[in-house]
């Protein structure tokens, strides 16, 4: 190794410079090959990983938005179902319904002559539960009663309405009093394959208010 340095020292300046440049180039090539090349390979690998992660992030954000939209849709459907079951319940609950109607009769100042539950009528996914009723009172009392019934949470249809003066022995009892004969129909949701309400023809109540 000493002889090599002695030989280099004895060379002309131009040769020394050439050797120095060669050494620098060789060191640079080695640096490039062993260090910078590895750094570039690592950079390329990291860039590829970043692109892959960015793609996965976009896919995740897309799935997240789809999930949130689906969850909101499910929540809306559940709220819609809840509202539907509120006005179209699965259970009969006819006694509660009759109590609500009776309360509106009393609030309107009417007198109930009779009310009879008729046979339930299946219609696809629900059944109609009709109650034939007769009430007496003034026109405004009857109108108030129908308005109050229309505000009940449960769906109620008034059908076959007939208004006539109240009579006793063929003679009008009062010019202001009317008798209202009608059918108050409510509804019950029923799954296909399940039987609806079977009760019918029940005389719920009759007599005066």
C-alpha atoms as a PDB file:
ATOM      1  CA  UNK A   1       0.000   0.000   0.000  1.00  0.00           C
ATOM      2  CA  UNK A   2       3.005   2.334   0.833  1.00  0.00           C
ATOM      3  CA  UNK A   3       4.573   1.646  -2.562  1.00  0.00           C
ATOM      4  CA  UNK A   4       1.280   2.626  -4.221  1.00  0.00           C
ATOM      5  CA  UNK A   5       1.225   5.980  -2.427  1.00  0.00           C
ATOM      6  CA  UNK A   6       4.905   6.547  -3.305  1.00  0.00           C
ATOM      7  CA  UNK A   7       4.204   5.914  -6.956  1.00  0.00           C
ATOM      8  CA  UNK A   8       1.259   8.277  -6.924  1.00  0.00           C
ATOM      9  CA  UNK A   9       3.369  10.953  -5.206  1.00  0.00           C
ATOM     10  CA  UNK A  10       6.047  10.636  -7.939  1.00  0.00           C
ATOM     11  CA  UNK A  11       3.527  11.207 -10.756  1.00  0.00           C
ATOM     12  CA  UNK A  12       3.073  14.494 -12.518  1.00  0.00           C
ATOM     13  CA  UNK A  13       0.440  16.925 -11.313  1.00  0.00           C
ATOM     14  CA  UNK A  14      -1.868  16.189 -14.260  1.00  0.00           C
ATOM     15  CA  UNK A  15      -1.754  12.500 -13.499  1.00  0.00           C
ATOM     16  CA  UNK A  16      -2.486  13.136  -9.854  1.00  0.00           C
ATOM     17  CA  UNK A  17      -5.473  15.253 -10.802  1.00  0.00           C
ATOM     18  CA  UNK A  18      -6.673  12.526 -13.153  1.00  0.00           C
ATOM     19  CA  UNK A  19      -6.356   9.923 -10.423  1.00  0.00           C
ATOM     20  CA  UNK A  20      -8.193  12.194  -8.003  1.00  0.00           C
ATOM     21  CA  UNK A  21     -11.022  12.769 -10.475  1.00  0.00           C
ATOM     22  CA  UNK A  22     -11.197   9.014 -11.072  1.00  0.00           C
ATOM     23  CA  UNK A  23     -11.422   8.362  -7.350  1.00  0.00           C
ATOM     24  CA  UNK A  24     -14.147  11.010  -6.977  1.00  0.00           C
ATOM     25  CA  UNK A  25     -16.101   9.532  -9.889  1.00  0.00           C
ATOM     26  CA  UNK A  26     -15.686   6.057  -8.474  1.00  0.00           C
ATOM     27  CA  UNK A  27     -16.857   7.219  -5.043  1.00  0.00           C
ATOM     28  CA  UNK A  28     -19.790   9.027  -6.631  1.00  0.00           C
ATOM     29  CA  UNK A  29     -20.735   5.927  -8.578  1.00  0.00           C
ATOM     30  CA  UNK A  30     -20.470   3.870  -5.439  1.00  0.00           C
ATOM     31  CA  UNK A  31     -22.580   6.400  -3.548  1.00  0.00           C
ATOM     32  CA  UNK A  32     -25.145   6.328  -6.318  1.00  0.00           C
ATOM     33  CA  UNK A  33     -25.232   2.575  -6.469  1.00  0.00           C
ATOM     34  CA  UNK A  34     -25.170   1.783  -2.778  1.00  0.00           C
ATOM     35  CA  UNK A  35     -26.919   4.767  -1.210  1.00  0.00           C
ATOM     36  CA  UNK A  36     -28.746   7.039  -3.604  1.00  0.00           C
ATOM     37  CA  UNK A  37     -29.993   4.142  -5.712  1.00  0.00           C
ATOM     38  CA  UNK A  38     -31.422   2.483  -2.604  1.00  0.00           C
ATOM     39  CA  UNK A  39     -32.956   5.800  -1.580  1.00  0.00           C
ATOM     40  CA  UNK A  40     -34.600   6.187  -4.978  1.00  0.00           C
ATOM     41  CA  UNK A  41     -35.885   2.611  -4.833  1.00  0.00           C
ATOM     42  CA  UNK A  42     -37.235   3.274  -1.350  1.00  0.00           C
ATOM     43  CA  UNK A  43     -38.770   6.543  -2.583  1.00  0.00           C
ATOM     44  CA  UNK A  44     -40.472   4.735  -5.472  1.00  0.00           C
ATOM     45  CA  UNK A  45     -41.745   2.090  -3.055  1.00  0.00           C
ATOM     46  CA  UNK A  46     -43.045   4.753  -0.646  1.00  0.00           C
ATOM     47  CA  UNK A  47     -44.705   6.618  -3.522  1.00  0.00           C
ATOM     48  CA  UNK A  48     -46.392   3.403  -4.618  1.00  0.00           C
ATOM     49  CA  UNK A  49     -47.523   2.720  -1.039  1.00  0.00           C
ATOM     50  CA  UNK A  50     -48.822   6.295  -0.733  1.00  0.00           C
ATOM     51  CA  UNK A  51     -50.801   5.944  -3.945  1.00  0.00           C
ATOM     52  CA  UNK A  52     -52.180   2.628  -2.736  1.00  0.00           C
ATOM     53  CA  UNK A  53     -53.163   4.117   0.654  1.00  0.00           C
ATOM     54  CA  UNK A  54     -54.696   7.146  -1.026  1.00  0.00           C
ATOM     55  CA  UNK A  55     -56.756   4.861  -3.257  1.00  0.00           C
ATOM     56  CA  UNK A  56     -57.846   2.811  -0.239  1.00  0.00           C
ATOM     57  CA  UNK A  57     -58.736   6.040   1.589  1.00  0.00           C
ATOM     58  CA  UNK A  58     -60.911   7.181  -1.312  1.00  0.00           C
ATOM     59  CA  UNK A  59     -62.611   3.778  -1.402  1.00  0.00           C
ATOM     60  CA  UNK A  60     -63.133   3.935   2.364  1.00  0.00           C
ATOM     61  CA  UNK A  61     -64.593   7.452   2.117  1.00  0.00           C
ATOM     62  CA  UNK A  62     -66.896   6.245  -0.652  1.00  0.00           C
ATOM     63  CA  UNK A  63     -68.031   3.222   1.404  1.00  0.00           C
ATOM     64  CA  UNK A  64     -68.457   5.496   4.423  1.00  0.00           C
ATOM     65  CA  UNK A  65     -70.706   7.864   2.471  1.00  0.00           C
ATOM     66  CA  UNK A  66     -72.688   4.918   1.111  1.00  0.00           C
ATOM     67  CA  UNK A  67     -73.034   3.518   4.635  1.00  0.00           C
ATOM     68  CA  UNK A  68     -74.160   6.863   6.064  1.00  0.00           C
ATOM     69  CA  UNK A  69     -76.660   7.267   3.232  1.00  0.00           C
ATOM     70  CA  UNK A  70     -77.917   3.717   3.833  1.00  0.00           C
ATOM     71  CA  UNK A  71     -78.167   4.317   7.593  1.00  0.00           C
ATOM     72  CA  UNK A  72     -80.093   7.550   7.021  1.00  0.00           C
ATOM     73  CA  UNK A  73     -82.399   5.720   4.622  1.00  0.00           C
ATOM     74  CA  UNK A  74     -82.967   2.947   7.178  1.00  0.00           C
ATOM     75  CA  UNK A  75     -83.645   5.527   9.910  1.00  0.00           C
ATOM     76  CA  UNK A  76     -86.129   7.296   7.647  1.00  0.00           C
ATOM     77  CA  UNK A  77     -87.849   3.994   6.844  1.00  0.00           C
ATOM     78  CA  UNK A  78     -88.021   3.085  10.547  1.00  0.00           C
ATOM     79  CA  UNK A  79     -89.548   6.474  11.350  1.00  0.00           C
ATOM     80  CA  UNK A  80     -91.987   6.038   8.474  1.00  0.00           C
ATOM     81  CA  UNK A  81     -92.867   2.552   9.738  1.00  0.00           C
ATOM     82  CA  UNK A  82     -93.293   3.902  13.263  1.00  0.00           C
ATOM     83  CA  UNK A  83     -95.634   6.610  11.976  1.00  0.00           C
ATOM     84  CA  UNK A  84     -97.507   4.064   9.876  1.00  0.00           C
ATOM     85  CA  UNK A  85     -97.977   1.730  12.848  1.00  0.00           C
ATOM     86  CA  UNK A  86     -99.171   4.690  14.895  1.00  0.00           C
ATOM     87  CA  UNK A  87    -102.075   5.336  12.525  1.00  0.00           C
ATOM     88  CA  UNK A  88    -102.350   1.731  11.300  1.00  0.00           C
ATOM     89  CA  UNK A  89    -101.436  -0.436  14.334  1.00  0.00           C
ATOM     90  CA  UNK A  90    -100.726  -4.169  14.232  1.00  0.00           C
ATOM     91  CA  UNK A  91    -102.827  -4.809  17.318  1.00  0.00           C
ATOM     92  CA  UNK A  92    -106.593  -4.597  17.391  1.00  0.00           C
ATOM     93  CA  UNK A  93    -106.814  -2.231  20.393  1.00  0.00           C
ATOM     94  CA  UNK A  94    -110.465  -1.696  19.500  1.00  0.00           C
ATOM     95  CA  UNK A  95    -111.430  -1.106  23.133  1.00  0.00           C
ATOM     96  CA  UNK A  96    -108.965   1.784  23.341  1.00  0.00           C
ATOM     97  CA  UNK A  97    -110.288   3.139  20.067  1.00  0.00           C
ATOM     98  CA  UNK A  98    -113.881   2.967  21.347  1.00  0.00           C
ATOM     99  CA  UNK A  99    -112.840   4.751  24.536  1.00  0.00           C
ATOM    100  CA  UNK A 100    -111.290   7.522  22.450  1.00  0.00           C
ATOM    101  CA  UNK A 101    -114.445   7.847  20.359  1.00  0.00           C
ATOM    102  CA  UNK A 102    -116.596   7.839  23.505  1.00  0.00           C
ATOM    103  CA  UNK A 103    -114.450  10.649  24.923  1.00  0.00           C
ATOM    104  CA  UNK A 104    -115.057  12.711  21.782  1.00  0.00           C
ATOM    105  CA  UNK A 105    -118.803  12.058  22.042  1.00  0.00           C
ATOM    106  CA  UNK A 106    -118.795  13.418  25.589  1.00  0.00           C
ATOM    107  CA  UNK A 107    -116.589  16.393  24.699  1.00  0.00           C
ATOM    108  CA  UNK A 108    -118.926  17.285  21.833  1.00  0.00           C
ATOM    109  CA  UNK A 109    -121.995  17.122  24.100  1.00  0.00           C
ATOM    110  CA  UNK A 110    -123.697  14.390  22.072  1.00  0.00           C
ATOM    111  CA  UNK A 111    -125.903  11.542  23.248  1.00  0.00           C
ATOM    112  CA  UNK A 112    -125.045   8.057  22.014  1.00  0.00           C
ATOM    113  CA  UNK A 113    -127.998   5.967  20.940  1.00  0.00           C
ATOM    114  CA  UNK A 114    -126.121   2.846  19.874  1.00  0.00           C
ATOM    115  CA  UNK A 115    -122.826   1.521  18.550  1.00  0.00           C
ATOM    116  CA  UNK A 116    -122.302  -1.965  17.151  1.00  0.00           C
ATOM    117  CA  UNK A 117    -119.069  -3.413  15.848  1.00  0.00           C
ATOM    118  CA  UNK A 118    -119.584  -5.112  12.495  1.00  0.00           C
ATOM    119  CA  UNK A 119    -117.553  -7.865  10.839  1.00  0.00           C
ATOM    120  CA  UNK A 120    -113.941  -7.027  10.011  1.00  0.00           C
ATOM    121  CA  UNK A 121    -113.199  -6.739   6.295  1.00  0.00           C
ATOM    122  CA  UNK A 122    -109.762  -7.976   5.133  1.00  0.00           C
ATOM    123  CA  UNK A 123    -108.157  -5.805   2.432  1.00  0.00           C
ATOM    124  CA  UNK A 124    -104.675  -6.992   1.343  1.00  0.00           C
ATOM    125  CA  UNK A 125    -102.252  -5.956   4.116  1.00  0.00           C
ATOM    126  CA  UNK A 126    -104.857  -4.571   6.518  1.00  0.00           C
ATOM    127  CA  UNK A 127    -108.398  -5.088   7.717  1.00  0.00           C
ATOM    128  CA  UNK A 128    -111.209  -2.594   8.061  1.00  0.00           C
ATOM    129  CA  UNK A 129    -112.950  -2.568  11.436  1.00  0.00           C
ATOM    130  CA  UNK A 130    -116.339  -0.853  11.039  1.00  0.00           C
ATOM    131  CA  UNK A 131    -118.483   0.329  13.951  1.00  0.00           C
ATOM    132  CA  UNK A 132    -122.036   1.391  13.137  1.00  0.00           C
ATOM    133  CA  UNK A 133    -123.088   4.238  15.402  1.00  0.00           C
ATOM    134  CA  UNK A 134    -126.104   6.458  16.100  1.00  0.00           C
ATOM    135  CA  UNK A 135    -125.740   9.789  17.905  1.00  0.00           C
ATOM    136  CA  UNK A 136    -128.067  12.661  18.670  1.00  0.00           C
ATOM    137  CA  UNK A 137    -127.251  16.338  19.091  1.00  0.00           C
ATOM    138  CA  UNK A 138    -127.216  19.648  17.302  1.00  0.00           C
ATOM    139  CA  UNK A 139    -125.631  20.089  13.898  1.00  0.00           C
ATOM    140  CA  UNK A 140    -122.679  21.963  15.415  1.00  0.00           C
ATOM    141  CA  UNK A 141    -122.146  19.251  18.057  1.00  0.00           C
ATOM    142  CA  UNK A 142    -122.134  16.539  15.401  1.00  0.00           C
ATOM    143  CA  UNK A 143    -119.784  18.568  13.227  1.00  0.00           C
ATOM    144  CA  UNK A 144    -117.452  19.113  16.206  1.00  0.00           C
ATOM    145  CA  UNK A 145    -117.472  15.385  16.927  1.00  0.00           C
ATOM    146  CA  UNK A 146    -116.446  14.488  13.366  1.00  0.00           C
ATOM    147  CA  UNK A 147    -113.705  17.111  13.471  1.00  0.00           C
ATOM    148  CA  UNK A 148    -112.350  15.743  16.765  1.00  0.00           C
ATOM    149  CA  UNK A 149    -112.440  12.150  15.504  1.00  0.00           C
ATOM    150  CA  UNK A 150    -110.489  13.249  12.445  1.00  0.00           C
ATOM    151  CA  UNK A 151    -107.722  14.466  14.762  1.00  0.00           C
ATOM    152  CA  UNK A 152    -107.309  11.106  16.507  1.00  0.00           C
ATOM    153  CA  UNK A 153    -103.910   9.429  16.042  1.00  0.00           C
ATOM    154  CA  UNK A 154    -105.541   6.336  14.586  1.00  0.00           C
ATOM    155  CA  UNK A 155    -107.031   6.533  11.087  1.00  0.00           C
ATOM    156  CA  UNK A 156    -110.826   6.804  11.180  1.00  0.00           C
ATOM    157  CA  UNK A 157    -113.135   7.065   8.188  1.00  0.00           C
ATOM    158  CA  UNK A 158    -116.746   8.219   8.544  1.00  0.00           C
ATOM    159  CA  UNK A 159    -118.983   6.411   6.026  1.00  0.00           C
ATOM    160  CA  UNK A 160    -122.690   6.047   5.223  1.00  0.00           C
ATOM    161  CA  UNK A 161    -123.566   9.238   7.095  1.00  0.00           C
ATOM    162  CA  UNK A 162    -127.277   9.995   7.385  1.00  0.00           C
ATOM    163  CA  UNK A 163    -128.690  13.009   9.232  1.00  0.00           C
ATOM    164  CA  UNK A 164    -132.352  13.250  10.173  1.00  0.00           C
ATOM    165  CA  UNK A 165    -134.445  15.148  12.746  1.00  0.00           C
ATOM    166  CA  UNK A 166    -134.934  13.279  16.009  1.00  0.00           C
ATOM    167  CA  UNK A 167    -138.434  11.879  16.294  1.00  0.00           C
ATOM    168  CA  UNK A 168    -140.466  10.136  18.928  1.00  0.00           C
ATOM    169  CA  UNK A 169    -143.674   8.467  17.830  1.00  0.00           C
ATOM    170  CA  UNK A 170    -143.280  10.050  14.408  1.00  0.00           C
ATOM    171  CA  UNK A 171    -143.128  13.564  15.883  1.00  0.00           C
ATOM    172  CA  UNK A 172    -140.041  15.775  15.863  1.00  0.00           C
ATOM    173  CA  UNK A 173    -138.643  16.046  19.382  1.00  0.00           C
ATOM    174  CA  UNK A 174    -136.713  19.267  18.762  1.00  0.00           C
ATOM    175  CA  UNK A 175    -136.047  21.448  15.777  1.00  0.00           C
ATOM    176  CA  UNK A 176    -132.382  21.719  16.781  1.00  0.00           C
ATOM    177  CA  UNK A 177    -131.753  18.044  17.530  1.00  0.00           C
ATOM    178  CA  UNK A 178    -130.534  15.713  14.801  1.00  0.00           C
ATOM    179  CA  UNK A 179    -129.857  12.008  14.702  1.00  0.00           C
ATOM    180  CA  UNK A 180    -126.652  10.953  12.940  1.00  0.00           C
ATOM    181  CA  UNK A 181    -126.392   7.386  11.665  1.00  0.00           C
ATOM    182  CA  UNK A 182    -122.955   6.466  10.293  1.00  0.00           C
ATOM    183  CA  UNK A 183    -120.174   3.907  10.217  1.00  0.00           C
ATOM    184  CA  UNK A 184    -116.880   4.813  11.893  1.00  0.00           C
ATOM    185  CA  UNK A 185    -114.242   2.624  10.240  1.00  0.00           C
ATOM    186  CA  UNK A 186    -110.745   2.163  11.625  1.00  0.00           C
ATOM    187  CA  UNK A 187    -107.954  -0.052  10.301  1.00  0.00           C
ATOM    188  CA  UNK A 188    -105.476  -2.637  11.518  1.00  0.00           C
ATOM    189  CA  UNK A 189    -102.250  -3.702   9.813  1.00  0.00           C
ATOM    190  CA  UNK A 190    -102.015  -7.468   9.308  1.00  0.00           C
ATOM    191  CA  UNK A 191     -99.064  -9.431   7.901  1.00  0.00           C
ATOM    192  CA  UNK A 192     -99.918 -11.752   5.049  1.00  0.00           C
ATOM    193  CA  UNK A 193    -100.777 -15.222   6.273  1.00  0.00           C
ATOM    194  CA  UNK A 194    -101.959 -13.978   9.657  1.00  0.00           C
ATOM    195  CA  UNK A 195    -105.604 -13.812  10.541  1.00  0.00           C
ATOM    196  CA  UNK A 196    -107.209 -10.464  11.238  1.00  0.00           C
ATOM    197  CA  UNK A 197    -109.692  -9.629  13.993  1.00  0.00           C
ATOM    198  CA  UNK A 198    -112.411 -12.240  14.212  1.00  0.00           C
ATOM    199  CA  UNK A 199    -114.893 -10.462  16.455  1.00  0.00           C
ATOM    200  CA  UNK A 200    -117.989  -9.022  14.836  1.00  0.00           C
ATOM    201  CA  UNK A 201    -121.543  -8.089  15.596  1.00  0.00           C
ATOM    202  CA  UNK A 202    -120.701  -7.017  19.156  1.00  0.00           C
ATOM    203  CA  UNK A 203    -123.171  -4.585  20.675  1.00  0.00           C
ATOM    204  CA  UNK A 204    -120.640  -2.279  22.253  1.00  0.00           C
ATOM    205  CA  UNK A 205    -123.076  -0.091  24.082  1.00  0.00           C
ATOM    206  CA  UNK A 206    -126.475   1.466  23.753  1.00  0.00           C
ATOM    207  CA  UNK A 207    -128.559   3.894  25.619  1.00  0.00           C
ATOM    208  CA  UNK A 208    -128.274   7.504  26.602  1.00  0.00           C
ATOM    209  CA  UNK A 209    -125.189   9.649  27.145  1.00  0.00           C
END
